[in-house]
Amino acid sequence: MAQFDLVVRGGTISTASDTFIADIGVKDGIVTALGQALGSGEHDIDASGKWILPGGVEAHCHIEQESSMGIMTADDYRSGSISAAFGGNTTIIPFAAQHRGQSLREVVKLYHGRAEAKSVIDYTFHLIISDPTKHILSQELPALIMDGYTSFKVYMTYDMLKIDDRQFLDILTTARRYGAMTMVHAENNDVIAWMSERLLNAGHVAPRYHAVSHARIAESEASGRAIHLAELTDTPLLIVHVSTEEATRTIRKARDRGLKIYGETCPQYLFLTIDDLDREGMEGAKYCCSPPPRNDADQESIWLGLQNDTFQVFSSDHAPYRFDETGKLHAGPNPPFKMIGNGVPGIELRMPLLFSEGVRNGRISINQFVALTSTNAAKIFGLHPQKGTIAIGSDADFALWDPDREVEITWDDLHDNVGYTPYQGKRITGWPETVINRGRVVVSDGELHVDPGSGRFLRRRPGHGAAVPAGQLVMEVSPACNFGAEIL
C-alpha cells in the first residue's frame, strides 16, 4: 500500500525563507513529509529541474462583481479561478462588495452563491464596506468577523463607494476591537473631481486624461491621511495598489516609525506607464485603472519598495472589463474618460511577470518572490500556515515552475474572459507548468484537471498577528495621558 497519495520528487523547493532540494509527500491534501527518497506514492511527479513554489495567494481581485457604475466583471468564478490557477495561484481572495443600502450579511450570501459551484481553487472573501451604518458596525460586521470574514476594504474615492473620515475612524475601531484587517483605496475624491471637471469643461475627454485627473497628490495626500487615522486608532492598515514614488515614501516613513502599515502594489505599476493611455483612438481605454500607471521614475520607486519591504504584497487588482459595450465602452463607443470602465486584467500574469522581471533579472530573490506573491498575503489575511508555504502540516498547495521557459504573452493563450491583455507581445521567462491545490493536480500539460466547484471556502480566524494593534497609542487616545477617558 502506498505511503502517500502523491509524491513530488527531486524539485528545488523555495519558501519565503529557505531554498532546498527535497521530495514532498502528500496525504489527504496535506504535506506530511519533506525529505530525500520518500516512500511510494499512489501518484508520483518528477520535478527534476523545476522550481517548486508555494501556490500563489491572489489577495486582490474583482470576480463576478458589479462596479459602482453597475458594470459586471467579465470573469465569473469559473473563468476567474481557472485563469488564476493557470497563473500559479491556489487561493484567491476576491471581494464581496456592499453597495449603499445593502445588508453585509445578504452580500456575503450572494457571493457564496456565485462562487461555490464555480471556483476550481480555494477562496475566501474580503468585504467592501460602503455603507457603515450603526447596525452594520454594531451587529453585522462584528458577527461576520467572528464567522471568518476577517478583512475588508474601504474607499476614499468614487462617489458611490467613498466613506468620510469619521466613518473611516468608526470602521478602524471596529477592526481593532474584533481583530480584522482593513484595506484602503487611498485617493482624494475631491481632488479627482475638481481636476476632472476642469478637464472635461475644456474638452479634454480622451483616455489619457484619466491619468491627468488622478493627480499624484490625490494619492499621496489620501495615503498620508489614511495612515494618520490608523495611527490615531492604533489599527493595522493595508494601503492597496500603490502607484507613486510619493505614496511609497509615505508608507516607508510610517513603517520606519513602527506603525503597522502594510503596502501593496500591482503589475500595472511596474510594466505600464501613462503613455499607454495615450494610444490611438480608444485603445488607451484598455489601460485605464485607478490609480493610473505613472512614469519610469515611479516604476523604479515601486521596485525599490518591493526590495526593501515597503510593500509586503504584490497583487493583480484583476478588474476584468471587456473592450465593448459590456465593459470598458458601456457608455458608448467613444466615452469621455470619466465614463470608461475602470480597471485592467492580470490575474494569470501577476506571478509570471514578477518572476521574469524580478527573479530572473536579479531585482528580487526567489524567497522575496514567494513572500510577495504568497506568504505575506497568507499571513496578513489569517491563512498562514495553512496557505502560503510548503511545510509539514500545511495544505499541499504548490506550483512547479520551469524557470527557463520563454513565453510571448498573447491573450489567446490566457484563460480569462476579457478578450485582451495589456501585456500583449511582452516576452517573459519562467512559467508555472503544474499547479497543485490540496494535493489535487489542478493544471498540468496546459490542461485543467478539476471540476468547477471543487475549490473550498476558507474560514479565517480573527485576531491574527498582522491585525493585532501595535500598542502605540497617541497621547490624546491613551488613558494614561488624556485624563483617563476611554476612547477606543
Protein backbone atom coordinates (compact mmCIF):
# COMPACT_ATOMS: atom_id res chain seq x y z
CA MET A 1 0.00 0.00 0.00
CA ALA A 2 1.33 3.43 -0.94
CA GLN A 3 2.58 5.57 1.91
CA PHE A 4 1.40 8.80 0.27
CA ASP A 5 -1.35 9.89 -2.09
CA LEU A 6 1.18 11.98 -4.02
CA VAL A 7 4.94 12.40 -4.02
CA VAL A 8 6.62 15.26 -5.88
CA ARG A 9 10.23 14.24 -6.30
CA GLY A 10 13.53 15.99 -6.74
CA GLY A 11 12.50 19.59 -7.24
CA THR A 12 14.12 22.73 -5.83
CA ILE A 13 11.75 24.00 -3.14
CA SER A 14 11.71 27.67 -2.21
CA THR A 15 9.72 29.23 0.59
CA ALA A 16 9.86 32.80 1.87
CA SER A 17 12.89 31.84 3.98
CA ASP A 18 14.64 28.77 2.55
CA THR A 19 15.66 27.00 -0.66
CA PHE A 20 16.47 23.29 -0.73
CA ILE A 21 16.06 20.13 -2.81
CA ALA A 22 13.64 17.55 -1.42
CA ASP A 23 10.71 15.27 -2.12
CA ILE A 24 7.26 16.31 -0.91
CA GLY A 25 4.91 13.65 0.46
CA VAL A 26 1.18 14.42 0.43
CA LYS A 27 -1.59 12.59 2.28
CA ASP A 28 -5.25 13.69 2.38
CA GLY A 29 -4.39 17.04 0.83
CA ILE A 30 -1.75 17.90 3.46
CA VAL A 31 2.05 17.96 3.27
CA THR A 32 3.05 15.13 5.61
CA ALA A 33 6.73 14.66 4.73
CA LEU A 34 9.70 16.57 3.31
CA GLY A 35 12.88 14.62 2.72
CA GLN A 36 15.05 12.54 0.44
CA ALA A 37 13.91 9.34 -1.28
CA LEU A 38 10.46 9.30 0.28
CA GLY A 39 8.40 6.14 0.11
CA SER A 40 5.93 5.26 -2.59
CA GLY A 41 3.00 7.38 -3.65
CA GLU A 42 -0.14 6.44 -5.50
CA HIS A 43 0.94 9.16 -7.90
CA ASP A 44 4.46 10.46 -8.47
CA ILE A 45 5.56 13.65 -10.20
CA ASP A 46 9.16 14.07 -11.31
CA ALA A 47 10.08 17.67 -10.55
CA SER A 48 13.77 17.44 -11.51
CA GLY A 49 14.93 20.72 -12.96
CA LYS A 50 11.79 22.50 -11.72
CA TRP A 51 11.32 25.07 -9.01
CA ILE A 52 8.58 24.13 -6.53
CA LEU A 53 6.98 27.24 -5.02
CA PRO A 54 4.01 27.70 -2.70
CA GLY A 55 0.79 28.26 -4.60
CA GLY A 56 0.09 31.91 -5.13
CA VAL A 57 -2.31 33.70 -2.81
CA GLU A 58 -4.01 36.28 -5.03
CA ALA A 59 -5.21 38.74 -2.42
CA HIS A 60 -6.80 41.47 -4.55
CA CYS A 61 -9.09 40.58 -7.45
CA HIS A 62 -12.58 41.53 -8.60
CA ILE A 63 -14.54 38.50 -9.79
CA GLU A 64 -18.25 38.35 -10.64
CA GLN A 65 -18.64 41.75 -9.01
CA GLU A 66 -20.68 44.79 -10.01
CA SER A 67 -18.75 48.06 -10.10
CA SER A 68 -20.12 51.28 -8.64
CA MET A 69 -21.13 52.12 -12.25
CA GLY A 70 -23.21 48.94 -12.33
CA ILE A 71 -20.91 47.06 -14.73
CA MET A 72 -20.45 43.34 -14.11
CA THR A 73 -16.93 41.99 -14.49
CA ALA A 74 -16.22 39.77 -17.49
CA ASP A 75 -14.93 36.95 -15.29
CA ASP A 76 -17.22 34.86 -13.11
CA TYR A 77 -15.85 32.45 -10.52
CA ARG A 78 -15.34 29.78 -13.15
CA SER A 79 -13.23 31.73 -15.65
CA GLY A 80 -11.59 33.88 -12.97
CA SER A 81 -10.45 30.95 -10.83
CA ILE A 82 -9.29 28.95 -13.86
CA SER A 83 -7.23 31.90 -15.06
CA ALA A 84 -5.77 32.30 -11.57
CA ALA A 85 -4.86 28.62 -11.43
CA PHE A 86 -3.06 28.68 -14.78
CA GLY A 87 -1.03 31.58 -13.38
CA GLY A 88 0.27 29.54 -10.43
CA ASN A 89 -2.34 30.53 -7.83
CA THR A 90 -4.08 28.10 -5.48
CA THR A 91 -6.02 30.63 -3.38
CA ILE A 92 -7.95 33.73 -4.38
CA ILE A 93 -9.40 36.46 -2.15
CA PRO A 94 -11.90 38.46 -4.21
CA PHE A 95 -14.43 40.94 -2.85
CA ALA A 96 -17.98 40.66 -1.60
CA ALA A 97 -19.00 44.22 -2.38
CA GLN A 98 -21.61 46.11 -0.39
CA HIS A 99 -23.35 48.91 -2.26
CA ARG A 100 -25.35 51.58 -0.47
CA GLY A 101 -28.40 50.25 1.32
CA GLN A 102 -27.34 46.59 1.24
CA SER A 103 -27.01 44.28 4.21
CA LEU A 104 -23.49 42.89 4.57
CA ARG A 105 -24.92 39.52 5.55
CA GLU A 106 -27.01 39.39 2.37
CA VAL A 107 -23.99 40.44 0.31
CA VAL A 108 -21.95 37.54 1.70
CA LYS A 109 -24.78 35.13 0.93
CA LEU A 110 -24.94 36.46 -2.64
CA TYR A 111 -21.23 35.97 -3.26
CA HIS A 112 -21.19 32.48 -1.78
CA GLY A 113 -23.89 31.62 -4.29
CA ARG A 114 -21.70 32.94 -7.09
CA ALA A 115 -18.52 31.16 -6.02
CA GLU A 116 -19.33 27.79 -4.51
CA ALA A 117 -20.40 25.98 -7.69
CA LYS A 118 -17.75 27.53 -9.92
CA SER A 119 -14.34 28.08 -8.30
CA VAL A 120 -11.70 25.47 -9.16
CA ILE A 121 -9.32 26.60 -6.39
CA ASP A 122 -9.75 27.66 -2.77
CA TYR A 123 -11.20 31.04 -1.96
CA THR A 124 -12.32 33.42 0.75
CA PHE A 125 -13.72 36.95 0.63
CA HIS A 126 -12.76 40.46 1.60
CA LEU A 127 -15.81 42.60 2.34
CA ILE A 128 -16.21 46.02 0.72
CA ILE A 129 -17.92 48.43 3.13
CA SER A 130 -19.56 51.45 1.52
CA ASP A 131 -22.48 51.99 3.92
CA PRO A 132 -21.22 51.73 7.52
CA THR A 133 -24.50 52.29 9.33
CA LYS A 134 -24.82 51.88 13.08
CA HIS A 135 -26.45 48.48 12.55
CA ILE A 136 -23.67 47.34 10.20
CA LEU A 137 -20.90 48.39 12.59
CA SER A 138 -22.51 47.18 15.80
CA GLN A 139 -24.19 43.99 14.59
CA GLU A 140 -23.42 42.64 11.13
CA LEU A 141 -19.71 43.42 10.80
CA PRO A 142 -18.65 42.05 14.22
CA ALA A 143 -20.66 38.88 13.61
CA LEU A 144 -19.14 38.39 10.16
CA ILE A 145 -15.63 38.89 11.52
CA MET A 146 -16.31 36.16 14.08
CA ASP A 147 -17.61 33.98 11.25
CA GLY A 148 -14.24 34.21 9.47
CA TYR A 149 -14.57 37.25 7.17
CA THR A 150 -11.63 38.99 8.77
CA SER A 151 -10.69 41.62 6.19
CA PHE A 152 -12.46 44.42 4.44
CA LYS A 153 -11.78 47.26 2.05
CA VAL A 154 -12.90 50.87 2.17
CA TYR A 155 -12.67 53.60 -0.45
CA MET A 156 -11.66 57.24 -0.06
CA THR A 157 -12.85 57.90 -3.63
CA TYR A 158 -15.71 57.00 -6.03
CA ASP A 159 -18.93 58.84 -5.19
CA MET A 160 -20.98 55.67 -4.66
CA LEU A 161 -18.39 53.91 -2.50
CA LYS A 162 -16.40 56.51 -0.59
CA ILE A 163 -16.57 56.97 3.14
CA ASP A 164 -15.71 60.13 5.06
CA ASP A 165 -13.00 60.35 7.72
CA ARG A 166 -15.41 59.90 10.63
CA GLN A 167 -16.83 56.73 9.06
CA PHE A 168 -13.27 55.57 8.45
CA LEU A 169 -12.47 56.02 12.14
CA ASP A 170 -15.57 54.02 13.11
CA ILE A 171 -14.56 51.18 10.77
CA LEU A 172 -10.97 51.20 12.01
CA THR A 173 -12.04 50.98 15.64
CA THR A 174 -14.37 48.08 14.81
CA ALA A 175 -11.49 46.31 13.08
CA ARG A 176 -9.27 46.96 16.09
CA ARG A 177 -11.84 45.68 18.58
CA TYR A 178 -12.58 42.44 16.74
CA GLY A 179 -9.19 41.63 15.19
CA ALA A 180 -9.75 42.31 11.48
CA MET A 181 -7.56 43.81 8.75
CA THR A 182 -8.63 46.99 6.95
CA MET A 183 -7.56 47.72 3.38
CA VAL A 184 -7.92 51.17 1.82
CA HIS A 185 -8.08 52.59 -1.69
CA ALA A 186 -6.32 55.87 -0.93
CA GLU A 187 -7.11 58.67 -3.38
CA ASN A 188 -8.57 62.09 -2.57
CA ASN A 189 -12.01 62.14 -4.21
CA ASP A 190 -12.38 65.93 -4.20
CA VAL A 191 -9.04 66.42 -5.95
CA ILE A 192 -10.04 63.95 -8.68
CA ALA A 193 -13.50 65.51 -9.08
CA TRP A 194 -12.02 69.03 -9.22
CA MET A 195 -9.46 68.02 -11.83
CA SER A 196 -11.99 66.05 -13.88
CA GLU A 197 -14.50 68.88 -14.05
CA ARG A 198 -11.92 71.32 -15.40
CA LEU A 199 -10.56 68.85 -17.93
CA LEU A 200 -14.00 67.91 -19.25
CA ASN A 201 -15.16 71.54 -19.42
CA ALA A 202 -12.10 72.32 -21.54
CA GLY A 203 -12.92 69.48 -23.93
CA HIS A 204 -10.18 67.11 -22.73
CA VAL A 205 -12.08 63.82 -22.87
CA ALA A 206 -9.61 61.24 -24.28
CA PRO A 207 -8.49 58.24 -22.16
CA ARG A 208 -5.11 59.85 -21.43
CA TYR A 209 -6.85 62.48 -19.27
CA HIS A 210 -7.93 59.77 -16.87
CA ALA A 211 -4.32 59.74 -15.68
CA VAL A 212 -4.18 63.54 -15.50
CA SER A 213 -7.36 63.72 -13.42
CA HIS A 214 -5.98 61.22 -10.89
CA ALA A 215 -3.25 63.61 -9.83
CA ARG A 216 -0.34 62.12 -7.95
CA ILE A 217 -1.04 64.37 -4.99
CA ALA A 218 -4.52 62.83 -4.70
CA GLU A 219 -2.85 59.50 -3.89
CA SER A 220 -0.09 60.76 -1.63
CA GLU A 221 -2.43 63.03 0.37
CA ALA A 222 -5.01 60.28 0.90
CA SER A 223 -2.31 57.74 1.82
CA GLY A 224 -0.92 60.09 4.45
CA ARG A 225 -4.40 60.86 5.80
CA ALA A 226 -5.29 57.16 6.00
CA ILE A 227 -2.07 56.47 7.89
CA HIS A 228 -2.81 59.27 10.37
CA LEU A 229 -6.31 57.92 11.02
CA ALA A 230 -4.90 54.43 11.54
CA GLU A 231 -2.28 55.87 13.90
CA LEU A 232 -4.95 57.71 15.90
CA THR A 233 -6.84 54.46 16.47
CA ASP A 234 -3.71 52.24 16.67
CA THR A 235 -5.16 49.98 13.97
CA PRO A 236 -3.19 47.98 11.37
CA LEU A 237 -3.87 49.12 7.81
CA LEU A 238 -3.01 47.89 4.30
CA ILE A 239 -2.79 50.55 1.58
CA VAL A 240 -3.55 48.87 -1.72
CA HIS A 241 -2.42 49.35 -5.34
CA VAL A 242 0.23 52.00 -4.63
CA SER A 243 1.47 53.68 -7.82
CA THR A 244 3.64 56.71 -6.98
CA GLU A 245 7.02 57.46 -5.51
CA GLU A 246 5.43 59.90 -3.04
CA ALA A 247 2.92 57.41 -1.66
CA THR A 248 5.68 54.80 -1.42
CA ARG A 249 7.78 57.18 0.67
CA THR A 250 4.81 57.93 2.91
CA ILE A 251 4.33 54.23 3.69
CA ARG A 252 8.05 53.74 4.23
CA LYS A 253 8.16 56.58 6.77
CA ALA A 254 5.20 55.15 8.66
CA ARG A 255 6.79 51.72 8.83
CA ASP A 256 10.08 53.25 9.97
CA ARG A 257 8.15 54.77 12.91
CA GLY A 258 6.98 51.32 13.92
CA LEU A 259 3.39 51.68 12.73
CA LYS A 260 1.62 48.55 11.46
CA ILE A 261 1.11 49.95 8.00
CA TYR A 262 1.36 47.50 5.11
CA GLY A 263 1.67 48.22 1.40
CA GLU A 264 0.54 46.53 -1.78
CA THR A 265 1.39 47.20 -5.40
CA CYS A 266 0.50 45.59 -8.72
CA PRO A 267 1.94 44.66 -12.14
CA GLN A 268 0.44 47.71 -13.88
CA TYR A 269 2.70 49.96 -11.81
CA LEU A 270 5.82 48.08 -12.88
CA PHE A 271 5.07 47.30 -16.53
CA LEU A 272 2.70 50.03 -17.80
CA THR A 273 3.10 53.81 -17.93
CA ILE A 274 0.95 56.87 -18.54
CA ASP A 275 1.98 56.68 -22.20
CA ASP A 276 -0.13 53.52 -22.58
CA LEU A 277 -3.26 55.61 -22.01
CA ASP A 278 -2.23 57.86 -24.91
CA ARG A 279 -2.68 55.25 -27.63
CA GLU A 280 -4.58 55.89 -30.83
CA GLY A 281 -8.36 56.32 -30.64
CA MET A 282 -9.93 54.49 -27.72
CA GLU A 283 -7.10 51.96 -27.35
CA GLY A 284 -5.92 53.88 -24.29
CA ALA A 285 -9.15 52.87 -22.54
CA LYS A 286 -7.73 49.36 -22.15
CA TYR A 287 -5.14 50.78 -19.74
CA CYS A 288 -7.45 52.95 -17.60
CA CYS A 289 -7.35 51.91 -13.96
CA SER A 290 -7.22 53.74 -10.66
CA PRO A 291 -4.71 54.81 -9.62
CA PRO A 292 -3.39 55.01 -13.19
CA PRO A 293 0.02 53.85 -14.37
CA ARG A 294 2.62 56.56 -13.81
CA ASN A 295 6.14 57.01 -15.24
CA ASP A 296 9.58 55.39 -15.31
CA ALA A 297 10.72 57.09 -12.10
CA ASP A 298 7.69 55.76 -10.25
CA GLN A 299 8.36 52.27 -11.57
CA GLU A 300 11.86 52.37 -10.12
CA SER A 301 10.47 53.56 -6.78
CA ILE A 302 7.98 50.69 -6.78
CA TRP A 303 10.78 48.20 -7.48
CA LEU A 304 12.72 49.62 -4.55
CA GLY A 305 9.65 49.26 -2.36
CA LEU A 306 9.41 45.59 -3.29
CA GLN A 307 13.08 45.13 -2.45
CA ASN A 308 13.11 46.93 0.91
CA ASP A 309 9.82 45.65 2.41
CA THR A 310 7.84 48.84 1.94
CA PHE A 311 5.45 46.54 0.05
CA GLN A 312 4.58 43.19 1.52
CA VAL A 313 2.01 42.16 -1.07
CA PHE A 314 2.07 42.00 -4.87
CA SER A 315 -1.47 41.55 -6.20
CA SER A 316 -3.08 41.83 -9.62
CA ASP A 317 -6.10 44.03 -8.76
CA HIS A 318 -7.68 42.00 -11.57
CA ALA A 319 -10.63 44.14 -12.73
CA PRO A 320 -11.72 42.41 -15.95
CA TYR A 321 -13.85 44.53 -18.28
CA ARG A 322 -14.20 43.63 -21.94
CA PHE A 323 -13.38 46.25 -24.56
CA ASP A 324 -17.01 46.52 -25.67
CA GLU A 325 -20.44 47.76 -24.58
CA THR A 326 -20.50 45.33 -21.64
CA GLY A 327 -17.35 46.78 -20.08
CA LYS A 328 -14.90 49.50 -21.00
CA LEU A 329 -17.30 51.06 -23.55
CA HIS A 330 -20.53 50.65 -21.60
CA ALA A 331 -21.28 54.38 -22.08
CA GLY A 332 -20.81 54.27 -25.86
CA PRO A 333 -18.03 53.73 -28.43
CA ASN A 334 -16.22 56.98 -27.58
CA PRO A 335 -16.93 57.75 -23.93
CA PRO A 336 -15.23 60.59 -22.05
CA PHE A 337 -12.55 59.35 -19.68
CA LYS A 338 -14.87 59.60 -16.64
CA MET A 339 -17.25 57.03 -18.19
CA ILE A 340 -14.71 54.38 -19.21
CA GLY A 341 -14.95 51.06 -17.37
CA ASN A 342 -12.19 51.32 -14.80
CA GLY A 343 -9.66 48.51 -14.31
CA VAL A 344 -7.22 46.16 -16.03
CA PRO A 345 -6.97 42.35 -16.10
CA GLY A 346 -3.90 40.48 -14.85
CA ILE A 347 -4.73 37.58 -12.54
CA GLU A 348 -2.97 34.97 -14.71
CA LEU A 349 0.13 37.08 -15.38
CA ARG A 350 0.77 38.50 -11.91
CA MET A 351 3.28 35.85 -10.86
CA PRO A 352 4.95 35.17 -14.24
CA LEU A 353 5.59 38.88 -14.81
CA LEU A 354 7.22 39.35 -11.42
CA PHE A 355 9.17 36.09 -11.71
CA SER A 356 10.61 37.10 -15.07
CA GLU A 357 11.42 40.73 -14.37
CA GLY A 358 12.13 40.35 -10.67
CA VAL A 359 13.78 36.98 -10.08
CA ARG A 360 15.27 36.27 -13.50
CA ASN A 361 16.63 39.80 -13.86
CA GLY A 362 18.06 39.86 -10.32
CA ARG A 363 15.87 42.60 -8.82
CA ILE A 364 14.49 40.33 -6.08
CA SER A 365 15.41 36.90 -4.74
CA ILE A 366 13.28 33.82 -5.21
CA ASN A 367 12.47 33.95 -1.49
CA GLN A 368 11.29 37.55 -1.79
CA PHE A 369 9.16 36.49 -4.74
CA VAL A 370 7.47 33.80 -2.65
CA ALA A 371 6.88 36.24 0.20
CA LEU A 372 5.38 38.89 -2.08
CA THR A 373 3.12 36.58 -4.07
CA SER A 374 2.03 34.09 -1.42
CA THR A 375 3.39 34.02 2.13
CA ASN A 376 2.87 37.62 3.20
CA ALA A 377 -0.72 37.73 1.98
CA ALA A 378 -1.43 34.46 3.79
CA LYS A 379 -0.02 35.95 7.00
CA ILE A 380 -1.72 39.34 6.71
CA PHE A 381 -5.12 37.80 5.98
CA GLY A 382 -5.05 34.97 8.51
CA LEU A 383 -4.39 31.98 6.23
CA HIS A 384 -0.84 31.07 7.28
CA PRO A 385 0.49 28.39 7.75
CA GLN A 386 -2.40 26.56 6.08
CA LYS A 387 -1.58 28.55 2.95
CA GLY A 388 1.46 30.44 1.70
CA THR A 389 4.23 27.98 2.47
CA ILE A 390 5.47 24.43 1.91
CA ALA A 391 5.77 22.83 5.34
CA ILE A 392 4.62 19.71 7.15
CA GLY A 393 1.01 20.24 8.15
CA SER A 394 0.30 22.89 5.50
CA ASP A 395 -2.12 22.39 2.64
CA ALA A 396 -0.41 20.74 -0.33
CA ASP A 397 -0.59 23.89 -2.44
CA PHE A 398 2.31 24.42 -4.80
CA ALA A 399 3.30 25.11 -8.37
CA LEU A 400 6.09 23.54 -10.40
CA TRP A 401 7.81 26.26 -12.38
CA ASP A 402 10.02 25.89 -15.41
CA PRO A 403 12.41 28.77 -14.71
CA ASP A 404 13.77 28.77 -18.27
CA ARG A 405 10.57 28.58 -20.28
CA GLU A 406 10.26 31.57 -22.62
CA VAL A 407 6.77 32.89 -23.30
CA GLU A 408 5.47 35.64 -25.54
CA ILE A 409 2.31 36.91 -23.90
CA THR A 410 -0.83 36.81 -26.01
CA TRP A 411 -4.43 36.82 -24.81
CA ASP A 412 -5.21 33.77 -26.96
CA ASP A 413 -3.10 31.70 -24.55
CA LEU A 414 -4.77 33.06 -21.39
CA HIS A 415 -7.90 31.78 -19.69
CA ASP A 416 -9.81 34.86 -18.58
CA ASN A 417 -12.90 36.16 -20.37
CA VAL A 418 -11.66 39.68 -21.07
CA GLY A 419 -10.64 39.47 -24.73
CA TYR A 420 -7.34 41.32 -24.42
CA THR A 421 -4.30 41.70 -22.18
CA PRO A 422 -2.46 44.97 -21.56
CA TYR A 423 0.79 42.98 -21.71
CA GLN A 424 0.26 41.67 -25.26
CA GLY A 425 3.55 40.84 -27.00
CA LYS A 426 5.76 41.12 -23.92
CA ARG A 427 8.34 38.31 -23.68
CA ILE A 428 8.98 36.76 -20.28
CA THR A 429 11.00 33.86 -18.88
CA GLY A 430 9.64 31.39 -16.35
CA TRP A 431 6.18 29.81 -16.17
CA PRO A 432 4.15 27.65 -13.73
CA GLU A 433 3.51 24.40 -15.60
CA THR A 434 1.90 22.22 -12.93
CA VAL A 435 -0.36 23.62 -10.20
CA ILE A 436 -1.48 21.55 -7.21
CA ASN A 437 -4.16 22.59 -4.69
CA ARG A 438 -4.71 20.40 -1.60
CA GLY A 439 -2.89 17.58 -3.38
CA ARG A 440 -5.14 17.78 -6.44
CA VAL A 441 -3.41 18.39 -9.75
CA VAL A 442 -5.40 21.38 -10.98
CA VAL A 443 -3.27 22.25 -14.02
CA SER A 444 -0.67 20.27 -15.96
CA ASP A 445 0.38 19.96 -19.59
CA GLY A 446 -1.65 23.06 -20.40
CA GLU A 447 -4.91 21.39 -19.33
CA LEU A 448 -7.38 21.83 -16.46
CA HIS A 449 -7.89 18.62 -14.47
CA VAL A 450 -10.52 19.55 -11.87
CA ASP A 451 -14.18 20.48 -11.98
CA PRO A 452 -15.76 23.88 -11.28
CA GLY A 453 -16.97 23.97 -7.70
CA SER A 454 -14.12 21.84 -6.36
CA GLY A 455 -12.44 24.80 -4.67
CA ARG A 456 -13.17 25.22 -0.95
CA PHE A 457 -14.21 28.27 1.05
CA LEU A 458 -11.60 29.23 3.67
CA ARG A 459 -12.85 30.42 7.06
CA ARG A 460 -10.25 32.64 8.71
CA ARG A 461 -9.52 33.36 12.33
CA PRO A 462 -9.80 36.91 13.71
CA GLY A 463 -7.10 38.48 15.83
CA HIS A 464 -4.11 37.02 13.98
CA GLY A 465 -0.68 38.63 14.25
CA ALA A 466 -0.85 41.17 11.44
CA ALA A 467 -4.19 42.51 12.70
CA VAL A 468 -3.06 42.96 16.31
CA PRO A 469 -2.58 46.66 17.23
CA ALA A 470 0.97 47.89 17.61
CA GLY A 471 0.32 49.20 21.13
CA GLN A 472 1.47 52.71 20.21
CA LEU A 473 -1.37 54.94 21.40
CA VAL A 474 -1.12 58.65 20.61
CA MET A 475 -1.31 60.97 23.60
CA GLU A 476 -4.93 62.02 23.11
CA VAL A 477 -6.17 58.43 22.92
CA SER A 478 -4.06 56.90 25.69
CA PRO A 479 -5.95 56.81 29.03
CA ALA A 480 -2.62 57.36 30.76
CA CYS A 481 -2.29 60.79 29.13
CA ASN A 482 -5.83 62.00 28.41
CA PHE A 483 -7.25 62.13 31.97
CA GLY A 484 -8.40 58.52 31.82
CA ALA A 485 -11.01 58.79 29.07
CA GLU A 486 -11.89 55.51 27.35
CA ILE A 487 -11.99 56.40 23.65
CA LEU A 488 -11.11 53.18 21.84
